Amino acid sequence: MSVRVSLVASARSSAVLAERFEDDRPLDGAGWRAVERAARALVPLGAAELRYCSPSARSRATGEALGYAPLAQPALRDCDMGHWRGLTLAEVTARDPGAVDLWLAEPRSAPHGGESLLSFITRIGGWLDTRPAGDGGAIVAVAEPSVVRAALVYALQAPPLTYWNVDVHPLSTVTLTGWSGRWHLSLPESAQIA
């Protein structure tokens, strides 16, 4: 018995260079337009038996715009960034480059006073592992790209620092199949080459 969990990265709420740690701003104009363009491909995921989202404004808005009517899951919140919350990476680096270096190099560190990368990945993995496994059941969850990255690292049992090597773009999707502790990455089928 397994379950299929499709993770949808929420649409953007700001330009990449303006992204802030634990940013809870709503979707920006570009984010809304991107949801409209992606809807045709993403709306069918809403047929899943269970539909969830991160509690952030942009994840809730993305899920609602796609017609999922998702249930907010506190466990799918972004990483707790402590006193870095609301700052950009550039701002934090300018203030305390040593703390940023430590954070990027040591997954157990939390120089910001919040949640370590390892704790974040473990929390997201705990959410995955508690999804009800039925006979081919389907779940869709809209969450921040960072949450999708953490889920991938957990599911693939990759070293925590792999997190920094995974790019998840807004409105991209990843599907994991399996059950508690036994997850597999399912890539979409591609067109056959003649």
Protein backbone atom coordinates (compact mmCIF):
# COMPACT_ATOMS: atom_id res chain seq x y z
CA MET A 1 0.00 0.00 0.00
CA SER A 2 1.41 3.34 -1.02
CA VAL A 3 0.43 6.93 -1.48
CA ARG A 4 1.28 9.46 -4.19
CA VAL A 5 2.18 12.92 -2.88
CA SER A 6 2.40 15.68 -5.48
CA LEU A 7 4.15 18.76 -4.16
CA VAL A 8 3.49 22.05 -5.95
CA ALA A 9 5.85 24.94 -5.25
CA SER A 10 3.82 28.05 -4.53
CA ALA A 11 3.84 30.95 -6.98
CA ARG A 12 6.14 33.86 -6.25
CA SER A 13 5.38 36.74 -3.96
CA SER A 14 8.43 38.82 -4.89
CA ALA A 15 11.34 38.96 -7.30
CA VAL A 16 14.09 36.44 -6.48
CA LEU A 17 16.54 39.03 -5.19
CA ALA A 18 13.84 40.57 -2.99
CA GLU A 19 12.87 37.27 -1.31
CA ARG A 20 12.93 37.47 2.44
CA PHE A 21 13.30 34.70 5.01
CA GLU A 22 9.86 33.46 6.07
CA ASP A 23 8.26 35.97 3.74
CA ASP A 24 4.48 35.90 4.22
CA ARG A 25 3.58 38.41 1.53
CA PRO A 26 0.72 37.48 -0.80
CA LEU A 27 1.28 36.64 -4.46
CA ASP A 28 2.56 39.53 -6.55
CA GLY A 29 1.24 40.34 -10.04
CA ALA A 30 3.79 38.10 -11.72
CA GLY A 31 2.81 35.28 -9.37
CA TRP A 32 -0.88 35.57 -10.26
CA ARG A 33 -0.07 35.62 -13.99
CA ALA A 34 2.15 32.55 -13.59
CA VAL A 35 -0.67 30.66 -11.83
CA GLU A 36 -3.01 31.52 -14.71
CA ARG A 37 -0.47 30.20 -17.25
CA ALA A 38 0.22 27.01 -15.25
CA ALA A 39 -3.39 26.25 -14.35
CA ARG A 40 -4.07 23.91 -17.27
CA ALA A 41 -1.26 21.58 -16.15
CA LEU A 42 -1.79 21.93 -12.39
CA VAL A 43 -5.58 21.97 -11.94
CA PRO A 44 -5.91 18.17 -12.55
CA LEU A 45 -3.80 17.54 -9.42
CA GLY A 46 -6.78 18.88 -7.48
CA ALA A 47 -8.54 15.55 -8.08
CA ALA A 48 -6.43 14.14 -5.23
CA GLU A 49 -8.35 12.74 -2.27
CA LEU A 50 -6.44 15.03 0.13
CA ARG A 51 -5.39 18.62 -0.64
CA TYR A 52 -3.07 20.56 1.64
CA CYS A 53 -1.01 23.74 1.69
CA SER A 54 1.53 25.54 3.78
CA PRO A 55 -0.06 28.17 6.04
CA SER A 56 1.71 31.01 4.17
CA ALA A 57 -0.33 33.57 2.24
CA ARG A 58 1.28 32.69 -1.09
CA SER A 59 0.76 28.94 -0.69
CA ARG A 60 -2.88 29.37 0.35
CA ALA A 61 -3.50 31.75 -2.56
CA THR A 62 -1.81 29.42 -5.05
CA GLY A 63 -3.88 26.45 -3.85
CA GLU A 64 -7.11 28.44 -3.93
CA ALA A 65 -6.38 29.87 -7.40
CA LEU A 66 -5.87 26.32 -8.68
CA GLY A 67 -9.21 25.25 -7.19
CA TYR A 68 -7.71 22.83 -4.66
CA ALA A 69 -9.51 24.25 -1.59
CA PRO A 70 -6.48 23.09 0.43
CA LEU A 71 -6.33 22.54 4.18
CA ALA A 72 -3.46 24.50 5.76
CA GLN A 73 -0.90 22.26 7.46
CA PRO A 74 1.27 23.94 10.13
CA ALA A 75 3.92 21.23 9.63
CA LEU A 76 4.42 22.48 6.06
CA ARG A 77 5.46 25.98 7.17
CA ASP A 78 8.76 27.39 5.98
CA CYS A 79 11.90 26.98 8.08
CA ASP A 80 11.85 29.05 11.29
CA MET A 81 14.56 31.62 10.61
CA GLY A 82 14.51 33.23 14.05
CA HIS A 83 15.82 36.81 14.08
CA TRP A 84 16.61 36.62 10.32
CA ARG A 85 12.86 36.53 9.59
CA GLY A 86 11.89 39.29 7.16
CA LEU A 87 15.47 39.92 5.99
CA THR A 88 17.02 39.09 2.63
CA LEU A 89 20.09 36.88 2.37
CA ALA A 90 22.09 39.91 1.23
CA GLU A 91 21.05 41.85 4.32
CA VAL A 92 22.01 39.04 6.67
CA THR A 93 25.32 38.47 4.87
CA ALA A 94 26.18 42.16 5.18
CA ARG A 95 25.45 42.08 8.92
CA ASP A 96 27.02 38.75 9.86
CA PRO A 97 28.80 36.86 7.06
CA GLY A 98 30.28 34.34 9.51
CA ALA A 99 26.82 33.32 10.69
CA VAL A 100 25.68 32.80 7.09
CA ASP A 101 28.77 30.69 6.35
CA LEU A 102 28.07 28.54 9.41
CA TRP A 103 24.41 28.14 8.47
CA LEU A 104 25.33 27.06 4.91
CA ALA A 105 28.05 24.62 6.03
CA GLU A 106 26.65 22.98 9.17
CA PRO A 107 23.11 21.51 8.93
CA ARG A 108 22.77 21.30 12.72
CA SER A 109 23.53 25.01 13.23
CA ALA A 110 20.94 27.72 13.79
CA PRO A 111 22.89 30.98 14.13
CA HIS A 112 19.62 32.86 13.54
CA GLY A 113 18.11 31.39 16.71
CA GLY A 114 15.43 29.48 14.82
CA GLU A 115 15.31 26.02 13.31
CA SER A 116 18.39 24.24 11.95
CA LEU A 117 18.36 22.91 8.39
CA LEU A 118 18.44 19.36 9.75
CA SER A 119 15.45 20.03 12.02
CA PHE A 120 13.56 21.60 9.11
CA ILE A 121 14.20 18.61 6.82
CA THR A 122 13.22 16.21 9.63
CA ARG A 123 9.98 18.12 10.30
CA ILE A 124 8.97 18.00 6.63
CA GLY A 125 9.91 14.31 6.48
CA GLY A 126 7.77 13.66 9.55
CA TRP A 127 4.81 15.22 7.75
CA LEU A 128 5.44 12.99 4.71
CA ASP A 129 5.76 9.88 6.84
CA THR A 130 2.41 10.48 8.54
CA ARG A 131 0.41 10.71 5.31
CA PRO A 132 -2.20 7.96 5.15
CA ALA A 133 -1.07 5.22 2.79
CA GLY A 134 -3.96 3.70 0.93
CA ASP A 135 -4.21 1.64 -2.19
CA GLY A 136 -2.91 4.19 -4.67
CA GLY A 137 -4.23 7.20 -2.76
CA ALA A 138 -3.31 10.67 -4.00
CA ILE A 139 -2.38 13.83 -2.12
CA VAL A 140 -1.50 17.28 -3.42
CA ALA A 141 0.24 19.90 -1.29
CA VAL A 142 1.18 23.48 -2.18
CA ALA A 143 4.16 24.79 -0.22
CA GLU A 144 7.12 27.12 -0.39
CA PRO A 145 9.94 25.97 -2.69
CA SER A 146 12.10 25.48 0.43
CA VAL A 147 9.59 22.96 1.78
CA VAL A 148 9.62 21.05 -1.52
CA ARG A 149 13.45 21.00 -1.40
CA ALA A 150 13.40 19.66 2.16
CA ALA A 151 10.89 16.95 1.17
CA LEU A 152 13.11 15.84 -1.70
CA VAL A 153 16.21 15.64 0.48
CA TYR A 154 14.28 13.63 3.08
CA ALA A 155 12.59 11.29 0.60
CA LEU A 156 15.83 10.51 -1.22
CA GLN A 157 17.70 10.07 2.07
CA ALA A 158 20.32 12.48 0.77
CA PRO A 159 22.83 14.22 3.03
CA PRO A 160 21.27 17.41 4.47
CA LEU A 161 23.73 19.69 2.64
CA THR A 162 22.22 18.39 -0.63
CA TYR A 163 19.42 20.84 0.15
CA TRP A 164 21.60 23.68 -1.17
CA ASN A 165 22.00 21.90 -4.53
CA VAL A 166 18.30 21.51 -5.29
CA ASP A 167 16.56 24.27 -7.25
CA VAL A 168 12.78 24.37 -6.98
CA HIS A 169 11.12 27.02 -9.09
CA PRO A 170 7.71 28.52 -8.36
CA LEU A 171 4.85 26.34 -9.63
CA SER A 172 7.12 23.38 -10.33
CA THR A 173 5.84 19.99 -9.23
CA VAL A 174 7.47 16.91 -7.75
CA THR A 175 5.76 13.62 -7.09
CA LEU A 176 6.83 11.21 -4.38
CA THR A 177 5.35 7.74 -4.09
CA GLY A 178 5.67 5.27 -1.26
CA TRP A 179 4.99 5.26 2.45
CA SER A 180 6.63 6.07 5.76
CA GLY A 181 10.40 5.89 5.35
CA ARG A 182 10.24 4.45 1.83
CA TRP A 183 9.80 7.23 -0.67
CA HIS A 184 10.57 7.28 -4.37
CA LEU A 185 10.85 10.23 -6.72
CA SER A 186 8.51 9.86 -9.69
CA LEU A 187 9.54 11.87 -12.71
CA PRO A 188 6.92 12.62 -15.37
CA GLU A 189 6.84 10.45 -18.45
CA SER A 190 8.36 12.13 -21.46
CA ALA A 191 7.40 11.82 -25.06
CA GLN A 192 8.93 8.83 -26.82
CA ILE A 193 11.68 9.69 -29.27
CA ALA A 194 11.03 8.08 -32.63
